[in-house]
Amino acid sequence: MSEQELVGDVGFNGERARALSATLELNGLDSDEADWTLDVKLEGPLPQLLLSGTVVTPVLPGPARLRVAYVDAPSEVSVRGRAGGLTNGGKDLYLTVAQRGSDVRIEGDIVLEWFDFEQGSAPFGLVVGVDATLAG
């Protein structure tokens, strides 16, 4: 898949960003639970979505449920003019992955937790629909 192809989009709290490229890395596939990292390069004010977590093996051809443990990027987002971070809020949140030819399709609609240190937290919607290249 070339980086020039439209690979999907990501929605941040109702605002859509076009995905320029996406890569899924899977590690530890020989164990009962593997680690994964999804790296999506985006067009717009938030240049990257970087998520990681675990998945029960076997993963592919799928569909399989990717448990979202960490939101590594964006590291800061603004809600109502206030800067804050994103977390899974201690909840079990899942995206779905399935093989699509030599690539994979990753989809999901989850609610993260946005937080700042002064005002508390608020729900933050994340919608993912991208075709990703497998790393490695």
C-alpha atoms as a PDB file:
ATOM      1  CA  MET A   1       0.000   0.000   0.000  1.00  0.00           C
ATOM      2  CA  SER A   2       1.556   3.317  -0.959  1.00  0.00           C
ATOM      3  CA  GLU A   3       1.356   6.305   1.345  1.00  0.00           C
ATOM      4  CA  GLN A   4      -0.508   8.175  -1.413  1.00  0.00           C
ATOM      5  CA  GLU A   5      -3.514   5.854  -1.173  1.00  0.00           C
ATOM      6  CA  LEU A   6      -6.475   6.813   0.954  1.00  0.00           C
ATOM      7  CA  VAL A   7      -6.269   4.343   3.837  1.00  0.00           C
ATOM      8  CA  GLY A   8      -9.274   5.548   5.817  1.00  0.00           C
ATOM      9  CA  ASP A   9      -9.983   8.082   8.494  1.00  0.00           C
ATOM     10  CA  VAL A  10     -10.007   8.720  12.214  1.00  0.00           C
ATOM     11  CA  GLY A  11     -12.620  10.676  14.126  1.00  0.00           C
ATOM     12  CA  PHE A  12     -11.580  12.666  17.190  1.00  0.00           C
ATOM     13  CA  ASN A  13     -14.632  13.699  19.228  1.00  0.00           C
ATOM     14  CA  GLY A  14     -16.662  14.184  16.035  1.00  0.00           C
ATOM     15  CA  GLU A  15     -13.876  15.810  13.968  1.00  0.00           C
ATOM     16  CA  ARG A  16     -12.631  13.634  11.097  1.00  0.00           C
ATOM     17  CA  ALA A  17      -8.997  13.413   9.962  1.00  0.00           C
ATOM     18  CA  ARG A  18      -7.908  11.618   6.779  1.00  0.00           C
ATOM     19  CA  ALA A  19      -5.366   8.846   7.329  1.00  0.00           C
ATOM     20  CA  LEU A  20      -2.302   9.186   5.120  1.00  0.00           C
ATOM     21  CA  SER A  21      -0.705   5.893   6.192  1.00  0.00           C
ATOM     22  CA  ALA A  22      -1.190   3.255   8.859  1.00  0.00           C
ATOM     23  CA  THR A  23       1.030   0.499  10.219  1.00  0.00           C
ATOM     24  CA  LEU A  24       0.153  -2.313  12.632  1.00  0.00           C
ATOM     25  CA  GLU A  25       3.012  -3.985  14.484  1.00  0.00           C
ATOM     26  CA  LEU A  26       2.389  -7.312  16.246  1.00  0.00           C
ATOM     27  CA  ASN A  27       4.890  -8.727  18.767  1.00  0.00           C
ATOM     28  CA  GLY A  28       4.905 -11.982  20.719  1.00  0.00           C
ATOM     29  CA  LEU A  29       2.679 -13.943  18.375  1.00  0.00           C
ATOM     30  CA  ASP A  30       4.106 -17.196  19.759  1.00  0.00           C
ATOM     31  CA  SER A  31       2.467 -16.565  23.169  1.00  0.00           C
ATOM     32  CA  ASP A  32      -1.182 -16.655  24.262  1.00  0.00           C
ATOM     33  CA  GLU A  33      -1.385 -12.862  24.211  1.00  0.00           C
ATOM     34  CA  ALA A  34       0.516 -10.606  21.809  1.00  0.00           C
ATOM     35  CA  ASP A  35       1.365  -6.912  21.987  1.00  0.00           C
ATOM     36  CA  TRP A  36       0.317  -4.546  19.225  1.00  0.00           C
ATOM     37  CA  THR A  37       1.000  -0.965  18.155  1.00  0.00           C
ATOM     38  CA  LEU A  38      -1.059   0.979  15.614  1.00  0.00           C
ATOM     39  CA  ASP A  39       0.640   4.036  14.106  1.00  0.00           C
ATOM     40  CA  VAL A  40      -1.578   6.231  11.899  1.00  0.00           C
ATOM     41  CA  LYS A  41      -0.185   9.337  10.189  1.00  0.00           C
ATOM     42  CA  LEU A  42      -2.942  11.917   9.714  1.00  0.00           C
ATOM     43  CA  GLU A  43      -3.712  15.002   7.669  1.00  0.00           C
ATOM     44  CA  GLY A  44      -4.751  17.928   9.841  1.00  0.00           C
ATOM     45  CA  PRO A  45      -4.028  19.522  13.199  1.00  0.00           C
ATOM     46  CA  LEU A  46      -3.416  16.165  14.947  1.00  0.00           C
ATOM     47  CA  PRO A  47      -0.654  14.570  12.853  1.00  0.00           C
ATOM     48  CA  GLN A  48      -0.588  11.127  14.474  1.00  0.00           C
ATOM     49  CA  LEU A  49      -2.661   8.515  16.271  1.00  0.00           C
ATOM     50  CA  LEU A  50      -0.516   6.004  18.160  1.00  0.00           C
ATOM     51  CA  LEU A  51      -2.314   3.293  20.134  1.00  0.00           C
ATOM     52  CA  SER A  52      -1.003   0.126  21.774  1.00  0.00           C
ATOM     53  CA  GLY A  53      -2.300  -2.805  23.739  1.00  0.00           C
ATOM     54  CA  THR A  54      -2.728  -6.563  23.713  1.00  0.00           C
ATOM     55  CA  VAL A  55      -4.597  -9.146  21.658  1.00  0.00           C
ATOM     56  CA  VAL A  56      -5.342 -12.832  22.214  1.00  0.00           C
ATOM     57  CA  THR A  57      -3.584 -15.051  19.660  1.00  0.00           C
ATOM     58  CA  PRO A  58      -4.043 -16.186  16.954  1.00  0.00           C
ATOM     59  CA  VAL A  59      -4.660 -12.683  15.574  1.00  0.00           C
ATOM     60  CA  LEU A  60      -4.932 -13.169  11.822  1.00  0.00           C
ATOM     61  CA  PRO A  61      -6.798 -13.783   9.620  1.00  0.00           C
ATOM     62  CA  GLY A  62      -9.247 -12.507  12.261  1.00  0.00           C
ATOM     63  CA  PRO A  63     -11.421 -10.860  13.072  1.00  0.00           C
ATOM     64  CA  ALA A  64      -9.701 -10.351  16.429  1.00  0.00           C
ATOM     65  CA  ARG A  65     -10.235  -7.828  19.217  1.00  0.00           C
ATOM     66  CA  LEU A  66      -7.376  -5.416  19.902  1.00  0.00           C
ATOM     67  CA  ARG A  67      -7.561  -4.278  23.544  1.00  0.00           C
ATOM     68  CA  VAL A  68      -6.548  -0.602  23.743  1.00  0.00           C
ATOM     69  CA  ALA A  69      -4.246  -0.114  26.728  1.00  0.00           C
ATOM     70  CA  TYR A  70      -2.420   3.123  25.849  1.00  0.00           C
ATOM     71  CA  VAL A  71      -2.965   6.286  23.812  1.00  0.00           C
ATOM     72  CA  ASP A  72       0.605   7.390  23.077  1.00  0.00           C
ATOM     73  CA  ALA A  73      -0.317  10.090  20.522  1.00  0.00           C
ATOM     74  CA  PRO A  74      -1.730  12.592  20.330  1.00  0.00           C
ATOM     75  CA  SER A  75      -0.106  13.497  23.636  1.00  0.00           C
ATOM     76  CA  GLU A  76      -2.248  16.611  23.999  1.00  0.00           C
ATOM     77  CA  VAL A  77      -5.699  17.575  22.678  1.00  0.00           C
ATOM     78  CA  SER A  78      -7.903  20.574  23.389  1.00  0.00           C
ATOM     79  CA  VAL A  79     -11.477  20.296  24.614  1.00  0.00           C
ATOM     80  CA  ARG A  80     -13.454  23.509  25.080  1.00  0.00           C
ATOM     81  CA  GLY A  81     -10.219  25.495  24.800  1.00  0.00           C
ATOM     82  CA  ARG A  82      -8.385  23.514  27.493  1.00  0.00           C
ATOM     83  CA  ALA A  83      -5.398  21.270  26.819  1.00  0.00           C
ATOM     84  CA  GLY A  84      -5.421  17.752  28.201  1.00  0.00           C
ATOM     85  CA  GLY A  85      -4.428  14.155  27.583  1.00  0.00           C
ATOM     86  CA  LEU A  86      -6.203  10.963  26.548  1.00  0.00           C
ATOM     87  CA  THR A  87      -6.421   7.625  28.355  1.00  0.00           C
ATOM     88  CA  ASN A  88      -8.530   4.468  28.204  1.00  0.00           C
ATOM     89  CA  GLY A  89      -9.924   5.493  31.592  1.00  0.00           C
ATOM     90  CA  GLY A  90      -9.217   2.056  33.048  1.00  0.00           C
ATOM     91  CA  LYS A  91     -11.927   0.538  30.813  1.00  0.00           C
ATOM     92  CA  ASP A  92     -11.684  -2.423  28.469  1.00  0.00           C
ATOM     93  CA  LEU A  93     -11.856  -0.797  25.028  1.00  0.00           C
ATOM     94  CA  TYR A  94     -11.503  -2.754  21.793  1.00  0.00           C
ATOM     95  CA  LEU A  95     -10.845  -2.214  18.108  1.00  0.00           C
ATOM     96  CA  THR A  96     -11.320  -5.006  15.571  1.00  0.00           C
ATOM     97  CA  VAL A  97      -8.640  -6.221  13.166  1.00  0.00           C
ATOM     98  CA  ALA A  98      -9.089  -8.543  10.178  1.00  0.00           C
ATOM     99  CA  GLN A  99      -6.826  -9.543   7.308  1.00  0.00           C
ATOM    100  CA  ARG A 100      -7.597  -7.898   3.972  1.00  0.00           C
ATOM    101  CA  GLY A 101      -5.239  -9.340   1.388  1.00  0.00           C
ATOM    102  CA  SER A 102      -1.676  -8.542   2.446  1.00  0.00           C
ATOM    103  CA  ASP A 103      -2.910  -5.710   4.693  1.00  0.00           C
ATOM    104  CA  VAL A 104      -5.312  -5.508   7.637  1.00  0.00           C
ATOM    105  CA  ARG A 105      -8.462  -3.492   8.313  1.00  0.00           C
ATOM    106  CA  ILE A 106      -8.780  -1.922  11.767  1.00  0.00           C
ATOM    107  CA  GLU A 107     -12.125  -0.521  12.875  1.00  0.00           C
ATOM    108  CA  GLY A 108     -13.804   0.594  16.041  1.00  0.00           C
ATOM    109  CA  ASP A 109     -15.822   3.226  17.827  1.00  0.00           C
ATOM    110  CA  ILE A 110     -14.658   3.713  21.417  1.00  0.00           C
ATOM    111  CA  VAL A 111     -14.962   6.339  24.141  1.00  0.00           C
ATOM    112  CA  LEU A 112     -11.657   7.412  25.662  1.00  0.00           C
ATOM    113  CA  GLU A 113     -11.287   9.655  28.689  1.00  0.00           C
ATOM    114  CA  TRP A 114      -9.954  13.178  28.194  1.00  0.00           C
ATOM    115  CA  PHE A 115      -8.398  14.693  31.306  1.00  0.00           C
ATOM    116  CA  ASP A 116      -6.663  17.798  32.514  1.00  0.00           C
ATOM    117  CA  PHE A 117      -5.249  18.443  35.948  1.00  0.00           C
ATOM    118  CA  GLU A 118      -7.439  21.442  36.766  1.00  0.00           C
ATOM    119  CA  GLN A 119     -10.934  20.648  35.487  1.00  0.00           C
ATOM    120  CA  GLY A 120     -11.187  16.856  35.713  1.00  0.00           C
ATOM    121  CA  SER A 121     -12.234  14.608  32.842  1.00  0.00           C
ATOM    122  CA  ALA A 122     -14.763  14.173  30.042  1.00  0.00           C
ATOM    123  CA  PRO A 123     -15.657  11.448  27.511  1.00  0.00           C
ATOM    124  CA  PHE A 124     -13.770  11.698  24.212  1.00  0.00           C
ATOM    125  CA  GLY A 125     -14.989   9.746  21.179  1.00  0.00           C
ATOM    126  CA  LEU A 126     -12.539   7.973  18.885  1.00  0.00           C
ATOM    127  CA  VAL A 127     -13.671   6.343  15.641  1.00  0.00           C
ATOM    128  CA  VAL A 128     -11.097   4.361  13.659  1.00  0.00           C
ATOM    129  CA  GLY A 129     -11.512   2.955  10.158  1.00  0.00           C
ATOM    130  CA  VAL A 130      -8.149   2.338   8.455  1.00  0.00           C
ATOM    131  CA  ASP A 131      -6.362  -0.152   6.250  1.00  0.00           C
ATOM    132  CA  ALA A 132      -2.902  -0.777   7.702  1.00  0.00           C
ATOM    133  CA  THR A 133       0.295  -2.374   6.491  1.00  0.00           C
ATOM    134  CA  LEU A 134       1.731  -5.069   8.756  1.00  0.00           C
ATOM    135  CA  ALA A 135       5.137  -4.069  10.109  1.00  0.00           C
ATOM    136  CA  GLY A 136       7.980  -6.525   9.951  1.00  0.00           C
END
